[in-house]
Structure formats: C-alpha cells, structure tokens
Amino acid sequence: MAKFTVYFKDKALNSGIFDAGIVHIGRDETNEITVDSLSIAPVHAVVVIKESGSIIKQLSSEHPLIINGEQTEEYILANNDRIELGKHYIIYNTIETISNGFIPKSDKAENSLDKQLSENAQLPEASLQILNGPHIGRIIGLKKAITRIGNSTAGIAVISRRKDGFYVSALENPDKLEVSNQPVGEKSVKLSDNDIITRGCCRFENPP
C-alpha cells in the first residue's frame, strides 16, 4: 500500500492512500492525484503499485520527473521519497493499513483505487484504426492503462484508460495534436465514438 501527500510551500494540501494498481499524477482533474499547476503536464507521471513496491514513470518529455532532486524517467520509490512538481511536491510513504481514497481540497472523497480499477475493467472494449500511411487499416487495441501514438517527428501523444473513459493528451508538440479537427493543446480530451485523432500525418479512429 502507498500513501501520497501533496504539499505546496511545505503546507500539506491533501493526501491519498492506494492499495494496488495504477495512479496517474498531473494537472488534469481526471487523474487520481491532481496537482493544480501549469508547470506540470496534464498527465505528468504514472505510478504502478505492486506488492513488491511502487515504480513511477515519466510520461511527458517536456515536463521532467524529479525525485529527491534528481531528474529521472523511471524510479523505484522508497519510503519518504520526494516527487517534485514545480512549486508543489509529493511525499511518498509505504503503509500497512488502508483508509479512505484520495481526498482533494473540495473534501469530496474519491473511490479507492481498487474500485476505480474495477470500473476501468468494465469499460467497453475500444481500439484505434490507422486511416492512412503504410499501416492503413491496422487496429490498435486500447487495453493498457497508457497507449502511446505518434512518432519522434510529429511528436508523441498518449491515450489514458481512466475510470470514465479514454483521454488523449500530447506529450510533446501539442500544436500538432487534434481530435476531430479541434486542437488539443495542453488539455486532456475525452474521446467519443468515431472521433478522429490526428497526430502529424497519422490519423486514428475510435470506433463505436
């Protein structure tokens, strides 16, 4: 089990306890842990919690992941590690008992991660179909918590599987990412049936 406490200028804002699974960290409100700061990405990092420990991974190449003052792309968290996010930071702790789920500043209690993952598992199957280029017609299943699309030239985007659906956001070159001809920018956009995702020269479809 893992506890995350969000701080701003050494003042604790909120904390959450998670049992196991996937925890997204970023400024978008659909993350399990939301940090209200323009200095971090909409989906900044993800923590994979297992019985053997917790691994945090960087998701945005333009927004560095800094642990205990050191920049990294992937890190095995230990008790009292500090995750730095601009002027905010998160202290990670391991615990033996689990209480309520993440409680944001609004005091609205979130579901425990186990329940969220159960809801994720009940989401209908979804996939992307490549509509142009040498791989036209290829189907990409969206079964993972995070699916990356794009390339180093056009930039990378990420599709996150969350409790209420699938969201796309840019990891780099946000000006080149569109959903159904609408620019995404720095936002995270929820996908609807038959949306067309344009990432540079590649187009994808979320079929019904």
N, C-alpha and C. Protein backbone atom coordinates (compact mmCIF):
# COMPACT_ATOMS: atom_id res chain seq x y z
N MET A 1 0.83 -1.19 0.00
CA MET A 1 0.00 0.00 0.00
C MET A 1 0.87 1.25 0.00
N ALA A 2 0.33 2.33 -0.55
CA ALA A 2 1.12 3.53 -0.71
C ALA A 2 0.32 4.77 -0.35
N LYS A 3 0.99 5.73 0.26
CA LYS A 3 0.36 7.00 0.61
C LYS A 3 1.09 8.13 -0.10
N PHE A 4 0.32 9.04 -0.69
CA PHE A 4 0.87 10.20 -1.38
C PHE A 4 0.30 11.46 -0.72
N THR A 5 1.18 12.36 -0.29
CA THR A 5 0.74 13.62 0.33
C THR A 5 1.26 14.77 -0.51
N VAL A 6 0.34 15.63 -0.99
CA VAL A 6 0.69 16.76 -1.85
C VAL A 6 0.96 17.98 -0.98
N TYR A 7 2.09 18.66 -1.24
CA TYR A 7 2.49 19.84 -0.49
C TYR A 7 2.68 21.03 -1.43
N PHE A 8 2.41 22.23 -0.90
CA PHE A 8 2.73 23.48 -1.59
C PHE A 8 3.37 24.40 -0.57
N LYS A 9 4.62 24.79 -0.82
CA LYS A 9 5.39 25.62 0.10
C LYS A 9 5.37 25.03 1.51
N ASP A 10 5.61 23.72 1.57
CA ASP A 10 5.72 22.95 2.82
C ASP A 10 4.40 22.85 3.59
N LYS A 11 3.30 23.19 2.96
CA LYS A 11 1.99 23.03 3.58
C LYS A 11 1.26 21.88 2.91
N ALA A 12 0.82 20.90 3.71
CA ALA A 12 0.11 19.75 3.16
C ALA A 12 -1.27 20.17 2.65
N LEU A 13 -1.57 19.85 1.38
CA LEU A 13 -2.85 20.20 0.78
C LEU A 13 -3.85 19.06 0.86
N ASN A 14 -3.42 17.86 0.57
CA ASN A 14 -4.28 16.68 0.59
C ASN A 14 -3.43 15.43 0.52
N SER A 15 -4.03 14.29 0.77
CA SER A 15 -3.30 13.03 0.73
C SER A 15 -4.24 11.92 0.30
N GLY A 16 -3.66 10.83 -0.17
CA GLY A 16 -4.46 9.69 -0.59
C GLY A 16 -3.71 8.39 -0.35
N ILE A 17 -4.46 7.35 -0.10
CA ILE A 17 -3.91 6.03 0.15
C ILE A 17 -4.44 5.07 -0.90
N PHE A 18 -3.55 4.32 -1.53
CA PHE A 18 -3.92 3.41 -2.59
C PHE A 18 -3.39 2.02 -2.30
N ASP A 19 -4.18 1.03 -2.68
CA ASP A 19 -3.85 -0.36 -2.37
C ASP A 19 -2.91 -0.95 -3.42
N ALA A 20 -3.34 -0.94 -4.67
CA ALA A 20 -2.55 -1.51 -5.76
C ALA A 20 -3.09 -1.00 -7.07
N GLY A 21 -2.29 -1.13 -8.14
CA GLY A 21 -2.76 -0.76 -9.47
C GLY A 21 -2.04 0.45 -10.04
N ILE A 22 -2.79 1.31 -10.75
CA ILE A 22 -2.23 2.43 -11.48
C ILE A 22 -2.71 3.74 -10.87
N VAL A 23 -1.78 4.68 -10.62
CA VAL A 23 -2.11 6.01 -10.11
C VAL A 23 -1.52 7.04 -11.05
N HIS A 24 -2.38 7.84 -11.68
CA HIS A 24 -1.93 8.91 -12.58
C HIS A 24 -1.75 10.20 -11.78
N ILE A 25 -0.69 10.95 -12.10
CA ILE A 25 -0.40 12.23 -11.46
C ILE A 25 -0.31 13.29 -12.54
N GLY A 26 -1.03 14.42 -12.36
CA GLY A 26 -0.97 15.50 -13.34
C GLY A 26 -1.94 16.60 -12.97
N ARG A 27 -2.00 17.63 -13.83
CA ARG A 27 -2.87 18.76 -13.51
C ARG A 27 -4.31 18.55 -13.98
N ASP A 28 -4.54 17.55 -14.86
CA ASP A 28 -5.89 17.27 -15.32
C ASP A 28 -6.72 16.66 -14.20
N GLU A 29 -7.97 17.07 -14.08
CA GLU A 29 -8.82 16.62 -12.97
C GLU A 29 -9.19 15.14 -13.05
N THR A 30 -8.94 14.50 -14.18
CA THR A 30 -9.27 13.08 -14.31
C THR A 30 -8.18 12.18 -13.73
N ASN A 31 -7.04 12.75 -13.32
CA ASN A 31 -6.00 11.96 -12.67
C ASN A 31 -6.44 11.52 -11.28
N GLU A 32 -5.87 10.42 -10.80
CA GLU A 32 -6.14 10.01 -9.42
C GLU A 32 -5.57 11.03 -8.44
N ILE A 33 -4.42 11.61 -8.78
CA ILE A 33 -3.83 12.68 -7.97
C ILE A 33 -3.68 13.92 -8.85
N THR A 34 -4.41 14.97 -8.52
CA THR A 34 -4.40 16.20 -9.32
C THR A 34 -3.59 17.27 -8.60
N VAL A 35 -2.67 17.89 -9.32
CA VAL A 35 -1.87 19.00 -8.80
C VAL A 35 -2.15 20.21 -9.68
N ASP A 36 -2.75 21.24 -9.12
CA ASP A 36 -3.20 22.41 -9.87
C ASP A 36 -2.03 23.34 -10.13
N SER A 37 -1.29 23.06 -11.21
CA SER A 37 -0.13 23.88 -11.55
C SER A 37 0.15 23.77 -13.04
N LEU A 38 0.36 24.91 -13.70
CA LEU A 38 0.67 24.91 -15.13
C LEU A 38 2.09 24.42 -15.40
N SER A 39 2.90 24.25 -14.36
CA SER A 39 4.27 23.81 -14.55
C SER A 39 4.38 22.30 -14.74
N ILE A 40 3.27 21.58 -14.58
CA ILE A 40 3.30 20.13 -14.79
C ILE A 40 2.35 19.77 -15.92
N ALA A 41 2.53 18.60 -16.49
CA ALA A 41 1.76 18.17 -17.66
C ALA A 41 0.36 17.73 -17.25
N PRO A 42 -0.58 17.72 -18.21
CA PRO A 42 -1.92 17.21 -17.91
C PRO A 42 -1.89 15.81 -17.32
N VAL A 43 -1.04 14.95 -17.89
CA VAL A 43 -0.75 13.64 -17.29
C VAL A 43 0.77 13.57 -17.17
N HIS A 44 1.29 13.85 -16.00
CA HIS A 44 2.73 14.07 -15.82
C HIS A 44 3.49 12.77 -15.59
N ALA A 45 2.93 11.91 -14.76
CA ALA A 45 3.62 10.67 -14.40
C ALA A 45 2.58 9.63 -14.00
N VAL A 46 3.02 8.38 -13.97
CA VAL A 46 2.15 7.29 -13.53
C VAL A 46 2.93 6.43 -12.55
N VAL A 47 2.24 5.98 -11.51
CA VAL A 47 2.85 5.10 -10.51
C VAL A 47 2.17 3.74 -10.61
N VAL A 48 2.98 2.70 -10.77
CA VAL A 48 2.48 1.33 -10.77
C VAL A 48 2.76 0.74 -9.40
N ILE A 49 1.67 0.42 -8.66
CA ILE A 49 1.80 -0.08 -7.30
C ILE A 49 1.59 -1.58 -7.29
N LYS A 50 2.59 -2.31 -6.79
CA LYS A 50 2.51 -3.76 -6.67
C LYS A 50 2.89 -4.16 -5.25
N GLU A 51 2.70 -5.41 -4.93
CA GLU A 51 3.09 -5.89 -3.60
C GLU A 51 4.58 -5.74 -3.38
N SER A 52 5.35 -5.85 -4.46
CA SER A 52 6.81 -5.79 -4.34
C SER A 52 7.34 -4.36 -4.26
N GLY A 53 6.47 -3.36 -4.52
CA GLY A 53 6.90 -1.97 -4.47
C GLY A 53 6.21 -1.12 -5.50
N SER A 54 6.60 0.15 -5.58
CA SER A 54 5.97 1.11 -6.47
C SER A 54 7.00 1.69 -7.42
N ILE A 55 6.65 1.75 -8.71
CA ILE A 55 7.52 2.31 -9.74
C ILE A 55 6.83 3.52 -10.35
N ILE A 56 7.51 4.66 -10.39
CA ILE A 56 6.98 5.86 -11.02
C ILE A 56 7.67 6.06 -12.37
N LYS A 57 6.88 6.45 -13.39
CA LYS A 57 7.40 6.62 -14.74
C LYS A 57 7.02 8.00 -15.29
N GLN A 58 7.97 8.64 -15.95
CA GLN A 58 7.71 9.91 -16.61
C GLN A 58 6.86 9.68 -17.85
N LEU A 59 5.86 10.55 -18.08
CA LEU A 59 5.01 10.43 -19.26
C LEU A 59 5.16 11.58 -20.23
N SER A 60 5.72 12.70 -19.80
CA SER A 60 5.86 13.87 -20.67
C SER A 60 7.34 14.22 -20.82
N SER A 61 7.83 14.18 -22.07
CA SER A 61 9.23 14.50 -22.29
C SER A 61 9.52 15.99 -22.07
N GLU A 62 8.49 16.83 -22.16
CA GLU A 62 8.68 18.26 -21.97
C GLU A 62 8.53 18.68 -20.51
N HIS A 63 8.10 17.78 -19.65
CA HIS A 63 7.93 18.07 -18.22
C HIS A 63 8.72 17.01 -17.44
N PRO A 64 9.89 17.35 -16.93
CA PRO A 64 10.76 16.36 -16.30
C PRO A 64 10.18 15.77 -15.02
N LEU A 65 10.59 14.55 -14.74
CA LEU A 65 10.25 13.89 -13.49
C LEU A 65 11.47 13.99 -12.57
N ILE A 66 11.29 14.63 -11.42
CA ILE A 66 12.40 14.86 -10.49
C ILE A 66 12.08 14.20 -9.15
N ILE A 67 12.92 13.28 -8.75
CA ILE A 67 12.77 12.56 -7.48
C ILE A 67 13.97 12.87 -6.59
N ASN A 68 13.71 13.43 -5.42
CA ASN A 68 14.78 13.76 -4.47
C ASN A 68 15.87 14.62 -5.12
N GLY A 69 15.46 15.56 -5.98
CA GLY A 69 16.40 16.47 -6.61
C GLY A 69 17.09 15.95 -7.84
N GLU A 70 16.83 14.70 -8.24
CA GLU A 70 17.48 14.11 -9.40
C GLU A 70 16.45 13.84 -10.50
N GLN A 71 16.78 14.25 -11.74
CA GLN A 71 15.88 14.00 -12.86
C GLN A 71 16.00 12.56 -13.33
N THR A 72 14.86 11.93 -13.60
CA THR A 72 14.85 10.52 -13.99
C THR A 72 13.64 10.26 -14.88
N GLU A 73 13.64 9.15 -15.59
CA GLU A 73 12.50 8.75 -16.41
C GLU A 73 11.71 7.64 -15.73
N GLU A 74 12.39 6.87 -14.88
CA GLU A 74 11.73 5.76 -14.17
C GLU A 74 12.47 5.54 -12.86
N TYR A 75 11.70 5.27 -11.79
CA TYR A 75 12.33 5.21 -10.47
C TYR A 75 11.51 4.29 -9.55
N ILE A 76 12.20 3.47 -8.78
CA ILE A 76 11.54 2.63 -7.78
C ILE A 76 11.44 3.43 -6.49
N LEU A 77 10.22 3.76 -6.08
CA LEU A 77 10.00 4.63 -4.94
C LEU A 77 10.31 3.93 -3.61
N ALA A 78 10.85 4.70 -2.68
CA ALA A 78 11.12 4.21 -1.33
C ALA A 78 10.42 5.15 -0.34
N ASN A 79 10.29 4.70 0.88
CA ASN A 79 9.61 5.48 1.91
C ASN A 79 10.24 6.87 2.05
N ASN A 80 9.39 7.90 2.09
CA ASN A 80 9.77 9.31 2.25
C ASN A 80 10.43 9.92 1.02
N ASP A 81 10.34 9.27 -0.14
CA ASP A 81 10.84 9.90 -1.36
C ASP A 81 10.00 11.13 -1.69
N ARG A 82 10.66 12.12 -2.30
CA ARG A 82 10.02 13.39 -2.64
C ARG A 82 9.91 13.51 -4.15
N ILE A 83 8.67 13.63 -4.65
CA ILE A 83 8.39 13.81 -6.07
C ILE A 83 8.16 15.30 -6.29
N GLU A 84 9.05 15.97 -7.02
CA GLU A 84 8.98 17.42 -7.18
C GLU A 84 8.22 17.79 -8.45
N LEU A 85 7.22 18.67 -8.30
CA LEU A 85 6.34 19.08 -9.40
C LEU A 85 6.22 20.60 -9.38
N GLY A 86 7.20 21.30 -9.95
CA GLY A 86 7.20 22.75 -9.90
C GLY A 86 7.34 23.23 -8.47
N LYS A 87 6.41 24.10 -8.03
CA LYS A 87 6.42 24.59 -6.65
C LYS A 87 5.71 23.62 -5.70
N HIS A 88 5.08 22.59 -6.25
CA HIS A 88 4.46 21.55 -5.43
C HIS A 88 5.42 20.36 -5.29
N TYR A 89 5.18 19.55 -4.32
CA TYR A 89 5.89 18.27 -4.24
C TYR A 89 5.00 17.25 -3.53
N ILE A 90 5.30 15.99 -3.78
CA ILE A 90 4.54 14.88 -3.19
C ILE A 90 5.50 14.01 -2.40
N ILE A 91 5.13 13.69 -1.18
CA ILE A 91 5.90 12.76 -0.36
C ILE A 91 5.24 11.38 -0.44
N TYR A 92 6.05 10.39 -0.79
CA TYR A 92 5.57 9.01 -0.91
C TYR A 92 5.91 8.25 0.38
N ASN A 93 4.93 7.53 0.90
CA ASN A 93 5.16 6.69 2.07
C ASN A 93 4.53 5.32 1.86
N THR A 94 5.17 4.30 2.39
CA THR A 94 4.59 2.97 2.40
C THR A 94 3.87 2.79 3.72
N ILE A 95 2.70 2.13 3.68
CA ILE A 95 1.91 1.94 4.89
C ILE A 95 1.39 0.51 4.93
N GLU A 96 0.89 0.10 6.10
CA GLU A 96 0.42 -1.27 6.27
C GLU A 96 -1.10 -1.36 6.30
N THR A 97 -1.77 -0.24 6.48
CA THR A 97 -3.23 -0.26 6.52
C THR A 97 -3.76 0.74 5.53
N ILE A 98 -4.96 0.51 5.03
CA ILE A 98 -5.55 1.40 4.03
C ILE A 98 -6.79 2.06 4.59
N SER A 99 -6.94 3.35 4.33
CA SER A 99 -8.13 4.07 4.80
C SER A 99 -8.90 4.57 3.60
N ASN A 100 -9.43 5.79 3.67
CA ASN A 100 -10.21 6.31 2.55
C ASN A 100 -9.32 6.61 1.36
N GLY A 101 -9.94 6.74 0.18
CA GLY A 101 -9.21 7.07 -1.02
C GLY A 101 -8.77 8.51 -1.03
N PHE A 102 -8.28 8.98 -2.16
CA PHE A 102 -7.73 10.32 -2.28
C PHE A 102 -8.80 11.37 -1.96
N ILE A 103 -8.45 12.37 -1.14
CA ILE A 103 -9.39 13.41 -0.74
C ILE A 103 -8.87 14.76 -1.22
N PRO A 104 -9.43 15.34 -2.27
CA PRO A 104 -8.97 16.62 -2.76
C PRO A 104 -9.40 17.77 -1.88
N LYS A 105 -9.00 19.01 -2.25
CA LYS A 105 -9.27 20.17 -1.42
C LYS A 105 -10.77 20.42 -1.24
N SER A 106 -11.59 19.95 -2.18
CA SER A 106 -13.03 20.16 -2.08
C SER A 106 -13.67 19.27 -1.02
N ASP A 107 -12.86 18.37 -0.42
CA ASP A 107 -13.32 17.42 0.59
C ASP A 107 -14.28 16.38 0.03
N LYS A 108 -14.33 16.26 -1.28
CA LYS A 108 -15.15 15.23 -1.91
C LYS A 108 -14.33 13.95 -1.99
N ALA A 109 -14.76 12.92 -1.30
CA ALA A 109 -13.99 11.68 -1.25
C ALA A 109 -14.06 10.95 -2.58
N GLU A 110 -12.91 10.48 -3.05
CA GLU A 110 -12.86 9.67 -4.26
C GLU A 110 -12.97 8.20 -3.88
N ASN A 111 -13.30 7.37 -4.85
CA ASN A 111 -13.33 5.94 -4.63
C ASN A 111 -11.92 5.42 -4.40
N SER A 112 -11.80 4.29 -3.73
CA SER A 112 -10.49 3.66 -3.58
C SER A 112 -10.01 3.20 -4.94
N LEU A 113 -8.70 3.03 -5.10
CA LEU A 113 -8.16 2.66 -6.39
C LEU A 113 -8.68 1.30 -6.84
N ASP A 114 -8.90 0.38 -5.90
CA ASP A 114 -9.43 -0.92 -6.27
C ASP A 114 -10.77 -0.78 -6.99
N LYS A 115 -11.63 0.09 -6.48
CA LYS A 115 -12.94 0.30 -7.09
C LYS A 115 -12.79 0.96 -8.44
N GLN A 116 -11.86 1.91 -8.54
CA GLN A 116 -11.62 2.58 -9.82
C GLN A 116 -11.14 1.60 -10.87
N LEU A 117 -10.23 0.72 -10.48
CA LEU A 117 -9.73 -0.26 -11.43
C LEU A 117 -10.81 -1.23 -11.86
N SER A 118 -11.72 -1.55 -10.92
CA SER A 118 -12.85 -2.41 -11.26
C SER A 118 -13.73 -1.73 -12.30
N GLU A 119 -13.95 -0.42 -12.13
CA GLU A 119 -14.75 0.32 -13.10
C GLU A 119 -14.04 0.38 -14.44
N ASN A 120 -12.72 0.53 -14.41
CA ASN A 120 -11.94 0.53 -15.66
C ASN A 120 -12.12 -0.78 -16.40
N ALA A 121 -12.10 -1.88 -15.64
CA ALA A 121 -12.22 -3.19 -16.25
C ALA A 121 -13.57 -3.37 -16.92
N GLN A 122 -14.58 -2.63 -16.46
CA GLN A 122 -15.91 -2.74 -17.01
C GLN A 122 -16.14 -1.81 -18.21
N LEU A 123 -15.14 -0.98 -18.55
CA LEU A 123 -15.28 -0.13 -19.72
C LEU A 123 -15.40 -0.99 -20.97
N PRO A 124 -16.21 -0.59 -21.95
CA PRO A 124 -16.32 -1.37 -23.18
C PRO A 124 -14.97 -1.41 -23.90
N GLU A 125 -14.76 -2.47 -24.67
CA GLU A 125 -13.52 -2.57 -25.42
C GLU A 125 -13.43 -1.42 -26.42
N ALA A 126 -12.24 -0.90 -26.61
CA ALA A 126 -12.04 0.20 -27.55
C ALA A 126 -10.75 -0.04 -28.31
N SER A 127 -10.66 0.56 -29.47
CA SER A 127 -9.47 0.39 -30.30
C SER A 127 -9.30 1.60 -31.20
N LEU A 128 -8.13 1.69 -31.80
CA LEU A 128 -7.84 2.73 -32.78
C LEU A 128 -7.54 2.06 -34.10
N GLN A 129 -8.00 2.65 -35.19
CA GLN A 129 -7.69 2.15 -36.52
C GLN A 129 -6.90 3.21 -37.28
N ILE A 130 -5.76 2.80 -37.84
CA ILE A 130 -4.94 3.72 -38.62
C ILE A 130 -5.61 3.94 -39.96
N LEU A 131 -5.83 5.20 -40.32
CA LEU A 131 -6.62 5.54 -41.51
C LEU A 131 -5.78 5.97 -42.70
N ASN A 132 -4.45 6.10 -42.54
CA ASN A 132 -3.61 6.45 -43.67
C ASN A 132 -2.20 5.96 -43.43
N GLY A 133 -1.33 6.13 -44.43
CA GLY A 133 0.06 5.74 -44.28
C GLY A 133 0.29 4.27 -44.58
N PRO A 134 1.52 3.79 -44.40
CA PRO A 134 1.87 2.40 -44.75
C PRO A 134 1.15 1.35 -43.92
N HIS A 135 0.64 1.73 -42.73
CA HIS A 135 -0.04 0.76 -41.87
C HIS A 135 -1.55 0.96 -41.88
N ILE A 136 -2.08 1.53 -42.95
CA ILE A 136 -3.51 1.80 -43.02
C ILE A 136 -4.34 0.54 -42.78
N GLY A 137 -5.38 0.69 -41.99
CA GLY A 137 -6.24 -0.44 -41.68
C GLY A 137 -5.86 -1.19 -40.42
N ARG A 138 -4.66 -0.97 -39.91
CA ARG A 138 -4.22 -1.67 -38.70
C ARG A 138 -5.04 -1.26 -37.49
N ILE A 139 -5.40 -2.22 -36.66
CA ILE A 139 -6.18 -1.97 -35.45
C ILE A 139 -5.26 -2.03 -34.23
N ILE A 140 -5.35 -1.00 -33.38
CA ILE A 140 -4.57 -0.96 -32.13
C ILE A 140 -5.54 -1.03 -30.96
N GLY A 141 -5.48 -2.09 -30.17
CA GLY A 141 -6.35 -2.24 -29.02
C GLY A 141 -5.94 -1.32 -27.88
N LEU A 142 -6.92 -0.79 -27.17
CA LEU A 142 -6.66 0.10 -26.03
C LEU A 142 -6.91 -0.66 -24.73
N LYS A 143 -6.09 -1.65 -24.46
CA LYS A 143 -6.26 -2.49 -23.28
C LYS A 143 -5.36 -2.07 -22.12
N LYS A 144 -4.30 -1.30 -22.43
CA LYS A 144 -3.36 -0.89 -21.40
C LYS A 144 -3.83 0.41 -20.74
N ALA A 145 -3.28 0.70 -19.57
CA ALA A 145 -3.60 1.96 -18.89
C ALA A 145 -3.11 3.15 -19.70
N ILE A 146 -1.98 2.99 -20.40
CA ILE A 146 -1.40 4.05 -21.22
C ILE A 146 -1.04 3.48 -22.58
N THR A 147 -1.49 4.13 -23.67
CA THR A 147 -1.12 3.75 -25.03
C THR A 147 -0.51 4.97 -25.71
N ARG A 148 0.70 4.83 -26.22
CA ARG A 148 1.37 5.93 -26.90
C ARG A 148 1.16 5.83 -28.40
N ILE A 149 0.95 6.98 -29.06
CA ILE A 149 0.81 7.03 -30.50
C ILE A 149 1.66 8.17 -31.04
N GLY A 150 1.96 8.11 -32.34
CA GLY A 150 2.76 9.15 -32.95
C GLY A 150 4.20 8.70 -33.17
N ASN A 151 5.07 9.65 -33.49
CA ASN A 151 6.48 9.35 -33.73
C ASN A 151 7.33 10.55 -33.34
N SER A 152 8.64 10.37 -33.44
CA SER A 152 9.56 11.42 -32.98
C SER A 152 9.48 12.67 -33.84
N THR A 153 9.04 12.53 -35.09
CA THR A 153 8.92 13.68 -35.98
C THR A 153 7.67 14.50 -35.66
N ALA A 154 6.52 13.82 -35.62
CA ALA A 154 5.25 14.51 -35.36
C ALA A 154 5.04 14.77 -33.88
N GLY A 155 5.72 14.00 -33.04
CA GLY A 155 5.52 14.12 -31.61
C GLY A 155 4.68 12.96 -31.08
N ILE A 156 4.80 12.71 -29.80
CA ILE A 156 4.13 11.59 -29.16
C ILE A 156 2.90 12.08 -28.40
N ALA A 157 1.81 11.34 -28.54
CA ALA A 157 0.60 11.57 -27.74
C ALA A 157 0.33 10.32 -26.93
N VAL A 158 -0.49 10.46 -25.90
CA VAL A 158 -0.78 9.33 -25.05
C VAL A 158 -2.29 9.24 -24.84
N ILE A 159 -2.81 8.01 -24.89
CA ILE A 159 -4.22 7.75 -24.60
C ILE A 159 -4.28 7.02 -23.27
N SER A 160 -4.97 7.61 -22.29
CA SER A 160 -5.07 7.06 -20.95
C SER A 160 -6.43 6.40 -20.75
N ARG A 161 -6.42 5.19 -20.24
CA ARG A 161 -7.65 4.48 -19.89
C ARG A 161 -7.99 4.83 -18.45
N ARG A 162 -9.09 5.56 -18.24
CA ARG A 162 -9.44 6.02 -16.90
C ARG A 162 -10.82 5.52 -16.51
N LYS A 163 -11.25 5.89 -15.31
CA LYS A 163 -12.46 5.32 -14.76
C LYS A 163 -13.72 5.67 -15.55
N ASP A 164 -13.69 6.79 -16.29
CA ASP A 164 -14.90 7.21 -17.01
C ASP A 164 -14.71 7.23 -18.52
N GLY A 165 -13.62 6.62 -19.01
CA GLY A 165 -13.43 6.57 -20.45
C GLY A 165 -11.97 6.69 -20.85
N PHE A 166 -11.74 7.10 -22.10
CA PHE A 166 -10.40 7.21 -22.66
C PHE A 166 -10.09 8.67 -22.97
N TYR A 167 -8.88 9.11 -22.58
CA TYR A 167 -8.48 10.51 -22.75
C TYR A 167 -7.18 10.56 -23.55
N VAL A 168 -7.07 11.56 -24.43
CA VAL A 168 -5.85 11.75 -25.21
C VAL A 168 -5.24 13.09 -24.83
N SER A 169 -3.91 13.12 -24.75
CA SER A 169 -3.17 14.35 -24.47
C SER A 169 -1.82 14.26 -25.15
N ALA A 170 -1.21 15.42 -25.39
CA ALA A 170 0.08 15.49 -26.07
C ALA A 170 1.22 15.41 -25.05
N LEU A 171 2.20 14.59 -25.35
CA LEU A 171 3.41 14.56 -24.53
C LEU A 171 4.44 15.54 -25.06
N GLU A 172 4.36 15.84 -26.36
CA GLU A 172 5.25 16.82 -26.98
C GLU A 172 4.57 17.35 -28.24
N ASN A 173 5.01 18.51 -28.71
CA ASN A 173 4.41 19.16 -29.88
C ASN A 173 2.89 19.24 -29.78
N PRO A 174 2.34 19.87 -28.73
CA PRO A 174 0.89 19.91 -28.55
C PRO A 174 0.14 20.61 -29.68
N ASP A 175 0.84 21.49 -30.44
CA ASP A 175 0.17 22.21 -31.52
C ASP A 175 -0.17 21.31 -32.70
N LYS A 176 0.39 20.08 -32.73
CA LYS A 176 0.14 19.17 -33.85
C LYS A 176 -0.90 18.08 -33.52
N LEU A 177 -1.50 18.14 -32.36
CA LEU A 177 -2.48 17.13 -31.98
C LEU A 177 -3.89 17.69 -32.08
N GLU A 178 -4.76 16.98 -32.82
CA GLU A 178 -6.15 17.40 -32.98
C GLU A 178 -7.07 16.20 -32.74
N VAL A 179 -8.27 16.49 -32.25
CA VAL A 179 -9.33 15.49 -32.14
C VAL A 179 -10.52 16.01 -32.92
N SER A 180 -10.88 15.30 -34.00
CA SER A 180 -11.98 15.71 -34.88
C SER A 180 -11.83 17.18 -35.31
N ASN A 181 -10.61 17.50 -35.77
CA ASN A 181 -10.26 18.82 -36.31
C ASN A 181 -10.22 19.93 -35.26
N GLN A 182 -10.26 19.58 -33.98
CA GLN A 182 -10.17 20.58 -32.91
C GLN A 182 -8.82 20.42 -32.20
N PRO A 183 -8.02 21.50 -32.09
CA PRO A 183 -6.72 21.39 -31.43
C PRO A 183 -6.86 21.02 -29.96
N VAL A 184 -5.97 20.14 -29.50
CA VAL A 184 -5.99 19.70 -28.10
C VAL A 184 -5.16 20.62 -27.23
N GLY A 185 -4.02 21.08 -27.74
CA GLY A 185 -3.15 21.96 -26.96
C GLY A 185 -2.62 21.25 -25.73
N GLU A 186 -2.66 21.94 -24.60
CA GLU A 186 -2.14 21.38 -23.35
C GLU A 186 -3.22 20.63 -22.56
N LYS A 187 -4.41 20.48 -23.13
CA LYS A 187 -5.52 19.84 -22.42
C LYS A 187 -5.45 18.33 -22.55
N SER A 188 -6.32 17.66 -21.81
CA SER A 188 -6.57 16.24 -21.93
C SER A 188 -8.02 16.08 -22.36
N VAL A 189 -8.26 15.45 -23.52
CA VAL A 189 -9.59 15.42 -24.12
C VAL A 189 -10.17 14.01 -24.06
N LYS A 190 -11.42 13.92 -23.58
CA LYS A 190 -12.10 12.62 -23.53
C LYS A 190 -12.56 12.25 -24.92
N LEU A 191 -12.31 11.00 -25.32
CA LEU A 191 -12.68 10.53 -26.65
C LEU A 191 -14.11 10.04 -26.69
N SER A 192 -14.76 10.30 -27.80
CA SER A 192 -16.11 9.80 -28.08
C SER A 192 -16.05 8.86 -29.27
N ASP A 193 -17.12 8.08 -29.47
CA ASP A 193 -17.17 7.15 -30.59
C ASP A 193 -16.93 7.88 -31.90
N ASN A 194 -16.08 7.27 -32.74
CA ASN A 194 -15.77 7.77 -34.09
C ASN A 194 -14.99 9.07 -34.12
N ASP A 195 -14.40 9.48 -33.00
CA ASP A 195 -13.51 10.63 -33.02
C ASP A 195 -12.30 10.32 -33.92
N ILE A 196 -11.82 11.33 -34.62
CA ILE A 196 -10.61 11.20 -35.43
C ILE A 196 -9.48 11.91 -34.71
N ILE A 197 -8.44 11.17 -34.37
CA ILE A 197 -7.27 11.73 -33.70
C ILE A 197 -6.19 11.94 -34.74
N THR A 198 -5.74 13.17 -34.91
CA THR A 198 -4.69 13.47 -35.88
C THR A 198 -3.41 13.81 -35.14
N ARG A 199 -2.38 13.01 -35.39
CA ARG A 199 -1.07 13.23 -34.78
C ARG A 199 -0.07 13.34 -35.91
N GLY A 200 0.18 14.57 -36.38
CA GLY A 200 1.06 14.75 -37.53
C GLY A 200 0.37 14.20 -38.78
N CYS A 201 1.00 13.24 -39.46
CA CYS A 201 0.44 12.68 -40.68
C CYS A 201 -0.38 11.42 -40.41
N CYS A 202 -0.52 11.00 -39.18
CA CYS A 202 -1.22 9.76 -38.86
C CYS A 202 -2.60 10.09 -38.27
N ARG A 203 -3.60 9.36 -38.72
CA ARG A 203 -4.96 9.60 -38.23
C ARG A 203 -5.49 8.30 -37.64
N PHE A 204 -6.22 8.43 -36.53
CA PHE A 204 -6.74 7.27 -35.83
C PHE A 204 -8.22 7.46 -35.58
N GLU A 205 -8.95 6.35 -35.46
CA GLU A 205 -10.38 6.40 -35.22
C GLU A 205 -10.73 5.57 -34.01
N ASN A 206 -11.61 6.09 -33.16
CA ASN A 206 -12.13 5.34 -32.03
C ASN A 206 -13.50 4.81 -32.44
N PRO A 207 -13.59 3.54 -32.89
CA PRO A 207 -14.87 3.04 -33.41
C PRO A 207 -15.89 2.83 -32.31
N PRO A 208 -17.21 2.79 -32.66
CA PRO A 208 -18.25 2.61 -31.65
C PRO A 208 -18.19 1.22 -31.07
